Each structure stands twice: as C-alpha cells, then as structure tokens.
N, C-alpha and C. Protein backbone atom coordinates (compact mmCIF):
# COMPACT_ATOMS: atom_id res chain seq x y z
N MET A 1 31.69 -11.53 7.92
CA MET A 1 31.88 -11.04 6.44
C MET A 1 32.40 -9.71 6.21
N THR A 2 31.98 -8.72 7.28
CA THR A 2 32.51 -7.49 6.99
C THR A 2 33.92 -7.14 6.95
N GLU A 3 34.74 -8.21 7.36
CA GLU A 3 36.14 -8.05 7.30
C GLU A 3 36.62 -8.18 5.79
N GLN A 4 35.61 -8.54 4.97
CA GLN A 4 35.96 -8.70 3.32
C GLN A 4 35.85 -7.08 2.81
N LEU A 5 34.98 -6.29 3.52
CA LEU A 5 34.66 -5.13 2.97
C LEU A 5 35.68 -4.06 3.51
N GLN A 6 35.92 -3.02 2.66
CA GLN A 6 36.59 -1.74 2.89
C GLN A 6 35.69 -0.99 3.90
N PRO A 7 36.32 -0.18 4.62
CA PRO A 7 35.57 0.72 5.63
C PRO A 7 34.40 1.49 4.96
N ALA A 8 35.01 1.91 3.79
CA ALA A 8 34.13 3.05 3.01
C ALA A 8 32.70 2.17 2.30
N GLN A 9 33.12 0.97 1.90
CA GLN A 9 32.09 -0.02 1.54
C GLN A 9 31.09 -0.38 2.67
N HIS A 10 31.57 -0.65 3.73
CA HIS A 10 30.80 -1.12 4.92
C HIS A 10 29.77 0.27 5.34
N GLN A 11 30.43 1.29 5.34
CA GLN A 11 29.67 2.60 5.67
C GLN A 11 28.54 3.01 4.53
N MET A 12 28.88 2.75 3.19
CA MET A 12 27.86 2.70 2.22
C MET A 12 26.47 1.82 2.43
N LEU A 13 26.86 0.46 3.10
CA LEU A 13 25.86 -0.22 3.34
C LEU A 13 25.22 0.21 4.67
N ILE A 14 25.79 0.73 5.58
CA ILE A 14 25.10 1.28 6.77
C ILE A 14 24.05 2.55 6.34
N ASP A 15 24.79 3.44 5.47
CA ASP A 15 23.99 4.39 4.96
C ASP A 15 22.74 3.96 4.24
N TYR A 16 23.02 2.95 3.30
CA TYR A 16 21.73 2.45 2.51
C TYR A 16 20.71 1.81 3.49
N ASN A 17 21.21 1.12 4.59
CA ASN A 17 20.16 0.56 5.32
C ASN A 17 19.35 1.46 6.12
N GLN A 18 20.05 2.70 6.41
CA GLN A 18 19.46 4.01 7.12
C GLN A 18 18.32 4.63 5.94
N LEU A 19 18.71 4.39 4.82
CA LEU A 19 17.90 5.06 3.78
C LEU A 19 16.55 4.16 3.55
N LEU A 20 16.71 3.07 3.93
CA LEU A 20 15.48 2.09 3.84
C LEU A 20 14.54 2.48 4.96
N ASP A 21 14.91 2.93 6.21
CA ASP A 21 14.12 3.37 7.09
C ASP A 21 13.43 4.74 6.62
N ALA A 22 14.23 5.59 6.17
CA ALA A 22 14.02 6.99 5.92
C ALA A 22 12.72 7.06 4.66
N LEU A 23 13.00 6.05 3.76
CA LEU A 23 11.99 5.89 2.74
C LEU A 23 10.57 5.49 3.35
N SER A 24 10.83 4.36 4.46
CA SER A 24 9.37 3.75 5.07
C SER A 24 8.82 5.14 5.83
N ASP A 25 9.72 6.05 6.31
CA ASP A 25 8.99 7.19 6.99
C ASP A 25 8.25 8.01 6.00
N GLY A 26 9.08 8.32 4.86
CA GLY A 26 8.37 8.97 3.78
C GLY A 26 7.18 8.58 3.24
N PHE A 27 7.23 7.44 3.01
CA PHE A 27 5.98 6.72 2.24
C PHE A 27 4.79 6.66 3.41
N ALA A 28 5.16 6.38 4.76
CA ALA A 28 4.23 6.45 5.76
C ALA A 28 3.56 7.76 5.69
N TYR A 29 4.44 8.97 5.73
CA TYR A 29 3.92 10.37 5.76
C TYR A 29 2.85 10.71 4.69
N LEU A 30 3.38 10.15 3.51
CA LEU A 30 2.56 10.60 2.37
C LEU A 30 1.19 9.79 2.34
N GLY A 31 1.39 8.60 2.70
CA GLY A 31 -0.05 7.77 2.82
C GLY A 31 -0.82 8.29 3.85
N GLU A 32 -0.41 8.99 4.85
CA GLU A 32 -1.44 9.45 5.86
C GLU A 32 -1.80 10.95 5.51
N ASN A 33 -0.99 11.77 4.77
CA ASN A 33 -1.05 13.11 4.50
C ASN A 33 -1.54 13.52 3.30
N ILE A 34 -1.53 12.80 2.14
CA ILE A 34 -2.01 13.14 0.87
C ILE A 34 -3.71 13.26 0.91
N THR A 35 -4.00 14.27 1.15
CA THR A 35 -5.29 14.58 1.11
C THR A 35 -5.86 16.00 0.23
N ASP A 36 -7.01 16.36 0.16
CA ASP A 36 -7.14 17.49 -0.74
C ASP A 36 -7.58 18.68 0.36
N PRO A 37 -7.02 19.53 0.42
CA PRO A 37 -5.62 19.86 -0.16
C PRO A 37 -4.48 19.10 0.87
N ALA A 38 -3.48 18.79 -0.07
CA ALA A 38 -2.18 18.15 0.67
C ALA A 38 -1.28 19.35 1.24
N PRO A 39 -0.84 19.02 2.55
CA PRO A 39 0.03 19.99 3.40
C PRO A 39 1.09 20.37 2.29
N PRO A 40 1.67 21.48 2.42
CA PRO A 40 2.94 21.98 1.68
C PRO A 40 4.03 21.09 1.75
N GLU A 41 4.01 20.36 2.87
CA GLU A 41 5.27 19.50 3.06
C GLU A 41 5.14 18.42 2.31
N ALA A 42 4.11 18.06 1.85
CA ALA A 42 3.92 16.65 0.86
C ALA A 42 4.68 16.58 -0.44
N ASP A 43 4.88 17.80 -1.08
CA ASP A 43 5.63 17.80 -2.13
C ASP A 43 7.04 17.45 -1.94
N GLN A 44 7.55 18.32 -0.79
CA GLN A 44 8.82 18.02 -0.50
C GLN A 44 9.36 16.44 0.02
N VAL A 45 8.33 16.01 0.83
CA VAL A 45 8.53 14.75 1.29
C VAL A 45 8.54 13.87 0.08
N PHE A 46 7.84 14.02 -0.95
CA PHE A 46 8.00 13.20 -2.27
C PHE A 46 9.03 13.49 -3.15
N ARG A 47 9.76 14.67 -3.14
CA ARG A 47 10.90 14.82 -3.83
C ARG A 47 11.96 14.22 -2.98
N ASP A 48 12.07 14.29 -1.60
CA ASP A 48 12.92 13.42 -0.84
C ASP A 48 13.05 12.08 -1.19
N ILE A 49 11.76 11.53 -1.23
CA ILE A 49 11.74 10.24 -1.62
C ILE A 49 12.45 9.80 -2.94
N ILE A 50 12.04 10.63 -3.96
CA ILE A 50 12.74 10.39 -5.17
C ILE A 50 14.21 10.60 -5.14
N ASN A 51 14.85 11.47 -4.44
CA ASN A 51 16.31 11.73 -4.21
C ASN A 51 16.89 10.57 -3.49
N ALA A 52 16.08 10.08 -2.61
CA ALA A 52 16.37 8.69 -1.63
C ALA A 52 16.68 7.72 -2.73
N LEU A 53 15.66 7.39 -3.67
CA LEU A 53 15.70 6.32 -4.37
C LEU A 53 16.71 6.53 -5.38
N GLU A 54 17.25 7.67 -5.91
CA GLU A 54 18.33 7.81 -6.72
C GLU A 54 19.56 7.40 -6.13
N GLN A 55 19.63 7.77 -4.77
CA GLN A 55 21.00 7.57 -4.04
C GLN A 55 20.93 6.05 -3.86
N MET A 56 19.93 5.37 -3.68
CA MET A 56 19.97 3.94 -3.60
C MET A 56 20.33 3.17 -4.74
N ASN A 57 19.79 3.79 -6.09
CA ASN A 57 20.05 3.35 -7.17
C ASN A 57 21.70 3.39 -7.60
N HIS A 58 22.27 4.33 -7.17
CA HIS A 58 23.78 4.55 -7.30
C HIS A 58 24.57 3.77 -6.34
N SER A 59 23.99 3.19 -5.20
CA SER A 59 24.44 2.32 -4.21
C SER A 59 24.37 0.98 -5.02
N HIS A 60 23.39 0.66 -5.64
CA HIS A 60 23.15 -0.69 -6.35
C HIS A 60 24.32 -0.94 -7.25
N ASP A 61 24.81 0.14 -8.12
CA ASP A 61 25.83 -0.07 -8.91
C ASP A 61 26.99 -0.56 -8.47
N GLN A 62 27.39 0.13 -6.99
CA GLN A 62 28.42 -0.27 -6.35
C GLN A 62 28.29 -1.95 -5.78
N MET A 63 27.08 -2.02 -5.12
CA MET A 63 26.58 -3.21 -4.67
C MET A 63 26.90 -4.26 -5.61
N ALA A 64 26.44 -4.06 -6.82
CA ALA A 64 26.51 -5.10 -7.83
C ALA A 64 27.95 -5.54 -7.98
N VAL A 65 29.08 -4.67 -7.88
CA VAL A 65 30.33 -5.07 -7.99
C VAL A 65 30.72 -5.96 -6.80
N LEU A 66 30.31 -5.58 -5.64
CA LEU A 66 30.89 -6.18 -4.43
C LEU A 66 30.13 -7.65 -4.14
N PHE A 67 28.66 -7.71 -4.75
CA PHE A 67 28.05 -9.02 -4.44
C PHE A 67 27.48 -9.41 -5.67
N PRO A 68 28.34 -9.85 -6.56
CA PRO A 68 27.76 -10.29 -7.95
C PRO A 68 26.86 -11.48 -7.65
N GLY A 69 25.75 -11.74 -8.25
CA GLY A 69 25.07 -13.02 -8.12
C GLY A 69 23.40 -12.64 -8.44
N GLU A 70 22.78 -13.90 -8.59
CA GLU A 70 21.39 -13.71 -9.00
C GLU A 70 20.37 -13.00 -7.98
N GLN A 71 20.54 -13.31 -6.58
CA GLN A 71 19.78 -12.69 -5.46
C GLN A 71 19.89 -11.27 -5.68
N LEU A 72 20.90 -10.43 -5.48
CA LEU A 72 20.97 -8.82 -5.70
C LEU A 72 20.44 -8.56 -7.16
N GLU A 73 20.96 -9.25 -8.19
CA GLU A 73 20.19 -8.85 -9.52
C GLU A 73 18.66 -8.91 -9.28
N ARG A 74 18.07 -9.93 -8.66
CA ARG A 74 16.42 -10.07 -8.56
C ARG A 74 15.89 -8.83 -7.72
N LEU A 75 16.92 -8.52 -6.41
CA LEU A 75 16.52 -7.40 -5.64
C LEU A 75 16.40 -6.11 -6.43
N MET A 76 17.52 -5.80 -7.31
CA MET A 76 17.51 -4.79 -8.06
C MET A 76 16.70 -4.65 -9.06
N GLU A 77 16.11 -5.52 -9.75
CA GLU A 77 15.13 -5.57 -10.76
C GLU A 77 13.81 -5.41 -10.18
N ASP A 78 13.54 -5.88 -8.78
CA ASP A 78 12.33 -5.46 -8.11
C ASP A 78 12.50 -4.00 -7.75
N PHE A 79 13.55 -3.40 -7.21
CA PHE A 79 13.66 -2.12 -7.07
C PHE A 79 13.37 -1.19 -8.31
N ARG A 80 13.70 -1.53 -9.50
CA ARG A 80 13.36 -0.81 -10.66
C ARG A 80 11.95 -0.97 -10.98
N ASP A 81 11.30 -2.09 -10.68
CA ASP A 81 9.97 -2.14 -10.83
C ASP A 81 9.02 -1.44 -9.94
N LEU A 82 9.50 -1.26 -8.64
CA LEU A 82 8.82 -0.47 -7.61
C LEU A 82 9.09 0.96 -7.99
N THR A 83 10.11 1.39 -8.54
CA THR A 83 10.38 2.89 -8.66
C THR A 83 9.53 3.03 -10.02
N ASP A 84 9.30 2.31 -11.00
CA ASP A 84 8.56 2.66 -12.12
C ASP A 84 7.01 2.74 -11.71
N MET A 85 6.72 1.90 -10.69
CA MET A 85 5.40 1.95 -10.15
C MET A 85 5.26 3.30 -9.42
N LEU A 86 6.16 3.80 -8.76
CA LEU A 86 6.02 4.99 -8.05
C LEU A 86 5.93 6.23 -9.04
N LEU A 87 6.78 6.10 -10.20
CA LEU A 87 6.42 7.19 -11.17
C LEU A 87 5.07 7.38 -11.69
N GLY A 88 4.37 6.40 -11.38
CA GLY A 88 2.82 6.34 -11.72
C GLY A 88 2.17 7.57 -11.23
N TRP A 89 2.87 8.10 -10.08
CA TRP A 89 2.15 9.08 -9.25
C TRP A 89 1.98 10.18 -10.27
N TYR A 90 2.85 10.57 -11.08
CA TYR A 90 2.37 11.67 -12.07
C TYR A 90 1.46 11.43 -12.84
N ASP A 91 0.98 10.35 -13.13
CA ASP A 91 -0.33 9.97 -14.03
C ASP A 91 -1.71 10.29 -13.36
N HIS A 92 -1.55 10.33 -12.06
CA HIS A 92 -2.62 10.63 -11.01
C HIS A 92 -2.91 11.96 -10.96
N GLU A 93 -4.15 12.48 -11.19
CA GLU A 93 -4.42 13.99 -10.98
C GLU A 93 -4.90 14.34 -9.39
N SER A 94 -5.73 13.60 -8.98
CA SER A 94 -6.19 13.67 -7.48
C SER A 94 -5.43 13.30 -6.58
N ASN A 95 -5.22 13.91 -5.50
CA ASN A 95 -4.50 13.46 -4.28
C ASN A 95 -4.88 11.99 -3.63
N GLU A 96 -6.27 11.94 -3.89
CA GLU A 96 -6.78 10.52 -3.43
C GLU A 96 -6.26 9.32 -4.19
N SER A 97 -6.31 9.64 -5.64
CA SER A 97 -5.70 8.60 -6.27
C SER A 97 -4.31 8.32 -6.09
N LYS A 98 -3.61 9.34 -5.89
CA LYS A 98 -2.03 9.39 -5.38
C LYS A 98 -1.84 8.47 -4.25
N ARG A 99 -2.90 8.78 -3.12
CA ARG A 99 -2.75 8.21 -1.95
C ARG A 99 -3.14 6.64 -2.02
N GLN A 100 -4.00 6.34 -3.01
CA GLN A 100 -4.47 5.08 -3.11
C GLN A 100 -3.27 4.19 -3.78
N LEU A 101 -2.69 4.90 -4.57
CA LEU A 101 -1.33 4.13 -5.40
C LEU A 101 -0.36 3.78 -4.31
N LEU A 102 -0.13 4.67 -3.33
CA LEU A 102 0.64 4.66 -2.34
C LEU A 102 0.42 3.33 -1.46
N THR A 103 -0.96 3.59 -0.81
CA THR A 103 -1.46 2.71 0.15
C THR A 103 -1.62 1.32 -0.26
N SER A 104 -2.04 1.12 -1.45
CA SER A 104 -2.58 -0.10 -2.20
C SER A 104 -1.63 -1.03 -3.08
N GLN A 105 -0.37 -0.04 -3.47
CA GLN A 105 0.48 -0.87 -4.29
C GLN A 105 1.86 -0.44 -3.64
N VAL A 106 2.27 0.82 -3.75
CA VAL A 106 3.77 0.93 -3.60
C VAL A 106 4.23 0.54 -2.27
N ILE A 107 3.47 1.21 -1.23
CA ILE A 107 3.83 0.68 0.16
C ILE A 107 3.89 -0.61 0.37
N PRO A 108 3.06 -1.49 0.17
CA PRO A 108 3.09 -2.93 0.41
C PRO A 108 4.16 -3.68 -0.17
N ILE A 109 4.44 -3.12 -1.50
CA ILE A 109 5.63 -3.70 -2.21
C ILE A 109 6.67 -3.44 -1.59
N TYR A 110 6.97 -2.18 -1.58
CA TYR A 110 8.26 -1.36 -0.72
C TYR A 110 8.34 -2.32 0.73
N VAL A 111 7.57 -2.45 1.53
CA VAL A 111 7.76 -3.14 2.69
C VAL A 111 8.24 -4.49 2.56
N SER A 112 7.70 -5.33 1.67
CA SER A 112 8.14 -6.70 1.16
C SER A 112 9.61 -6.73 0.63
N TRP A 113 9.78 -5.85 -0.20
CA TRP A 113 11.12 -5.63 -0.93
C TRP A 113 12.20 -5.21 0.24
N LYS A 114 11.95 -4.21 1.09
CA LYS A 114 12.74 -3.78 2.30
C LYS A 114 13.15 -4.96 2.93
N GLN A 115 12.45 -5.66 3.37
CA GLN A 115 12.70 -6.93 4.20
C GLN A 115 13.58 -7.93 3.57
N GLN A 116 13.45 -8.12 2.24
CA GLN A 116 14.15 -9.01 1.57
C GLN A 116 15.56 -8.34 1.29
N MET A 117 15.63 -7.06 1.08
CA MET A 117 17.09 -6.38 1.14
C MET A 117 17.72 -6.39 2.34
N ARG A 118 16.75 -6.13 3.47
CA ARG A 118 17.49 -6.16 4.82
C ARG A 118 18.16 -7.59 5.01
N ASN A 119 17.33 -8.86 4.56
CA ASN A 119 17.79 -10.00 4.88
C ASN A 119 19.02 -10.27 4.02
N PHE A 120 19.29 -9.61 2.81
CA PHE A 120 20.46 -9.72 2.09
C PHE A 120 21.54 -9.08 2.66
N LEU A 121 21.42 -7.97 3.21
CA LEU A 121 22.47 -7.06 3.91
C LEU A 121 22.81 -7.52 5.11
N GLU A 122 21.95 -7.99 6.15
CA GLU A 122 22.31 -8.42 7.32
C GLU A 122 23.68 -8.96 7.63
N PRO A 123 24.03 -10.14 6.73
CA PRO A 123 25.41 -10.52 7.15
C PRO A 123 26.35 -9.58 7.20
N TYR A 124 26.43 -8.41 6.09
CA TYR A 124 27.44 -7.50 5.98
C TYR A 124 27.43 -6.48 7.00
N LEU A 125 26.31 -6.31 7.50
CA LEU A 125 26.15 -5.16 8.55
C LEU A 125 26.37 -5.48 10.00
N VAL A 126 26.25 -6.77 10.20
CA VAL A 126 26.69 -7.37 11.65
C VAL A 126 28.10 -7.16 12.08
N HIS A 127 28.32 -6.96 13.02
CA HIS A 127 29.77 -6.77 13.46
C HIS A 127 30.31 -7.95 14.14
C-alpha cells in the first residue's frame, strides 16, 4: 500500500507513529511523577504533550485527505474527545487530582486509541 503514498506522505505517517510512542512516554512520566510537589520537568513534559497533540491534529488534516472514510473519522473524533478530557487538567488544582485524571481516564483511553490508530496505520507503514 505504501506505493500509493508519496515519500513525504509516508514520512509523515512514520513521524506520526513515532509521536504515538512519545506521547505514551510523556503520559507515563506524568502519571508517575505528578506528586506534591511535582518535579520542575513535569510542566515541560505536559507542554510537550500538548505540542505533540497539536502536531498530531495537523497530521489528521492530511490523513483525512489521504484516507477518507468512516474508520479514520471515528479515530479522529475519539482523538478530539481524548484531548478534551486532557484539557480537564486545568480544572484540577491539586497534583493528586491531576494524576488521578491521567491514570484513571486519559492514559487508559489513550492506550486503547493508540492501538486502534496503529492498527489503522500498519498497512501504510509496512514496507
């Protein structure tokens, strides 16, 4: 299937796939390190996560053109729901409640969504 993609499009999918793992790492770090007080790196990791999500969202615009259809539309809708949930971070005052948001809601949903997205992308990433 990769023969249908231009090299730049294929590279975008490879980069996107790598972002999926980077987000997993960021979420894992925050889930383990959001304590009172949180290490100074925690704020930077959260900002990095937000930046990665923005990059992914831009990729979704390109992916929607490449792969029109219901399956990707559902994945992108689930992504928007996930990002909305993560933005609840700002509603939590204590680091413990932020950690609970991550570990009980955001991370499990992200792990499931990531696997579904990987399943979708796999045919386009395999050489």
